[in-house]
């Protein structure tokens, strides 16, 4: 049995917003993306420039591989902060401290 959707969409998948709405949504997306891309490396103690470079390269690879049909920005994610933090601490203990004679 097929379920009816009660969601009233403003735009369908193949439709585009008007120029004004598109610009407004673009600014909203940039603010959300920029905050995550800058904040995640700062929380982890990593260089922000590395996150920006990796985001740019990843986005270009994705755009080329999809033929520029899917406008997506690949950036930092808060979902992996705990895993990255634990991995970085383990890396310091396993590789950095023994080389400095601090283990």
Protein backbone atom coordinates (compact mmCIF):
# COMPACT_ATOMS: atom_id res chain seq x y z
CA UNK A 1 0.00 0.00 0.00
CA UNK A 2 1.42 3.37 -1.04
CA UNK A 3 1.48 6.12 1.57
CA UNK A 4 0.47 9.66 0.69
CA UNK A 5 2.91 12.42 1.61
CA UNK A 6 1.52 15.33 3.58
CA UNK A 7 4.57 17.52 2.96
CA UNK A 8 3.88 20.50 0.71
CA UNK A 9 7.13 21.19 -1.15
CA UNK A 10 7.92 24.68 -2.41
CA UNK A 11 10.10 23.37 -5.24
CA UNK A 12 10.30 20.04 -6.98
CA UNK A 13 13.60 18.25 -7.57
CA UNK A 14 14.10 19.67 -11.06
CA UNK A 15 12.95 23.21 -10.25
CA UNK A 16 15.17 26.12 -9.30
CA UNK A 17 14.40 28.99 -6.93
CA UNK A 18 14.09 32.53 -8.23
CA UNK A 19 17.29 34.59 -8.36
CA UNK A 20 16.46 36.46 -5.14
CA UNK A 21 15.64 33.31 -3.16
CA UNK A 22 18.67 31.57 -4.65
CA UNK A 23 21.02 34.33 -3.50
CA UNK A 24 19.44 34.40 -0.02
CA UNK A 25 19.73 30.60 0.31
CA UNK A 26 23.33 30.76 -0.97
CA UNK A 27 24.32 33.20 1.78
CA UNK A 28 22.61 31.03 4.39
CA UNK A 29 24.52 28.00 3.12
CA UNK A 30 27.86 29.83 3.11
CA UNK A 31 27.41 30.93 6.73
CA UNK A 32 26.50 27.41 7.85
CA UNK A 33 29.30 25.79 5.84
CA UNK A 34 31.94 28.33 6.86
CA UNK A 35 31.17 27.94 10.55
CA UNK A 36 31.58 24.17 10.45
CA UNK A 37 34.66 24.26 8.24
CA UNK A 38 36.43 26.71 10.55
CA UNK A 39 35.14 25.50 13.93
CA UNK A 40 35.87 21.76 13.58
CA UNK A 41 39.63 22.18 12.95
CA UNK A 42 39.86 24.76 15.74
CA UNK A 43 38.22 22.34 18.20
CA UNK A 44 40.61 19.57 17.13
CA UNK A 45 43.69 21.82 17.19
CA UNK A 46 44.35 21.38 13.47
CA UNK A 47 45.26 24.08 10.94
CA UNK A 48 42.19 25.69 9.37
CA UNK A 49 44.04 26.05 6.07
CA UNK A 50 44.30 22.25 5.76
CA UNK A 51 40.53 21.89 6.27
CA UNK A 52 39.78 24.57 3.68
CA UNK A 53 42.19 23.01 1.15
CA UNK A 54 40.82 19.49 1.68
CA UNK A 55 37.23 20.77 1.41
CA UNK A 56 38.03 22.52 -1.85
CA UNK A 57 39.80 19.53 -3.38
CA UNK A 58 37.08 17.13 -2.24
CA UNK A 59 34.36 19.39 -3.64
CA UNK A 60 36.13 19.71 -7.01
CA UNK A 61 36.61 15.94 -7.29
CA UNK A 62 32.94 15.38 -6.41
CA UNK A 63 31.71 18.00 -8.87
CA UNK A 64 33.84 16.62 -11.71
CA UNK A 65 32.82 13.02 -11.01
CA UNK A 66 29.09 13.94 -11.04
CA UNK A 67 29.41 16.08 -14.16
CA UNK A 68 28.53 19.27 -12.23
CA UNK A 69 24.93 18.03 -11.88
CA UNK A 70 24.84 17.92 -8.07
CA UNK A 71 25.83 21.19 -6.36
CA UNK A 72 27.38 19.93 -3.13
CA UNK A 73 30.02 21.36 -0.83
CA UNK A 74 32.08 18.79 1.04
CA UNK A 75 33.24 20.25 4.31
CA UNK A 76 33.94 19.42 7.90
CA UNK A 77 31.48 17.45 9.99
CA UNK A 78 30.81 17.59 13.70
CA UNK A 79 29.94 13.89 13.57
CA UNK A 80 33.58 12.81 13.62
CA UNK A 81 35.03 15.14 16.27
CA UNK A 82 35.19 12.44 18.98
CA UNK A 83 36.74 9.84 16.67
CA UNK A 84 39.28 12.32 15.30
CA UNK A 85 40.17 13.53 18.79
CA UNK A 86 40.78 9.98 20.03
CA UNK A 87 42.77 9.07 16.90
CA UNK A 88 44.94 12.17 17.24
CA UNK A 89 45.65 11.44 20.93
CA UNK A 90 46.58 7.84 20.10
CA UNK A 91 48.85 9.05 17.26
CA UNK A 92 50.67 11.39 19.66
CA UNK A 93 51.19 8.59 22.20
CA UNK A 94 52.27 5.99 19.61
CA UNK A 95 54.43 8.06 17.25
CA UNK A 96 55.28 11.53 18.52
CA UNK A 97 56.21 10.90 22.15
CA UNK A 98 58.58 7.94 21.52
CA UNK A 99 60.50 9.96 18.90
CA UNK A 100 61.01 12.75 21.42
CA UNK A 101 62.01 10.34 24.18
CA UNK A 102 59.02 11.29 26.32
CA UNK A 103 57.26 7.94 26.55
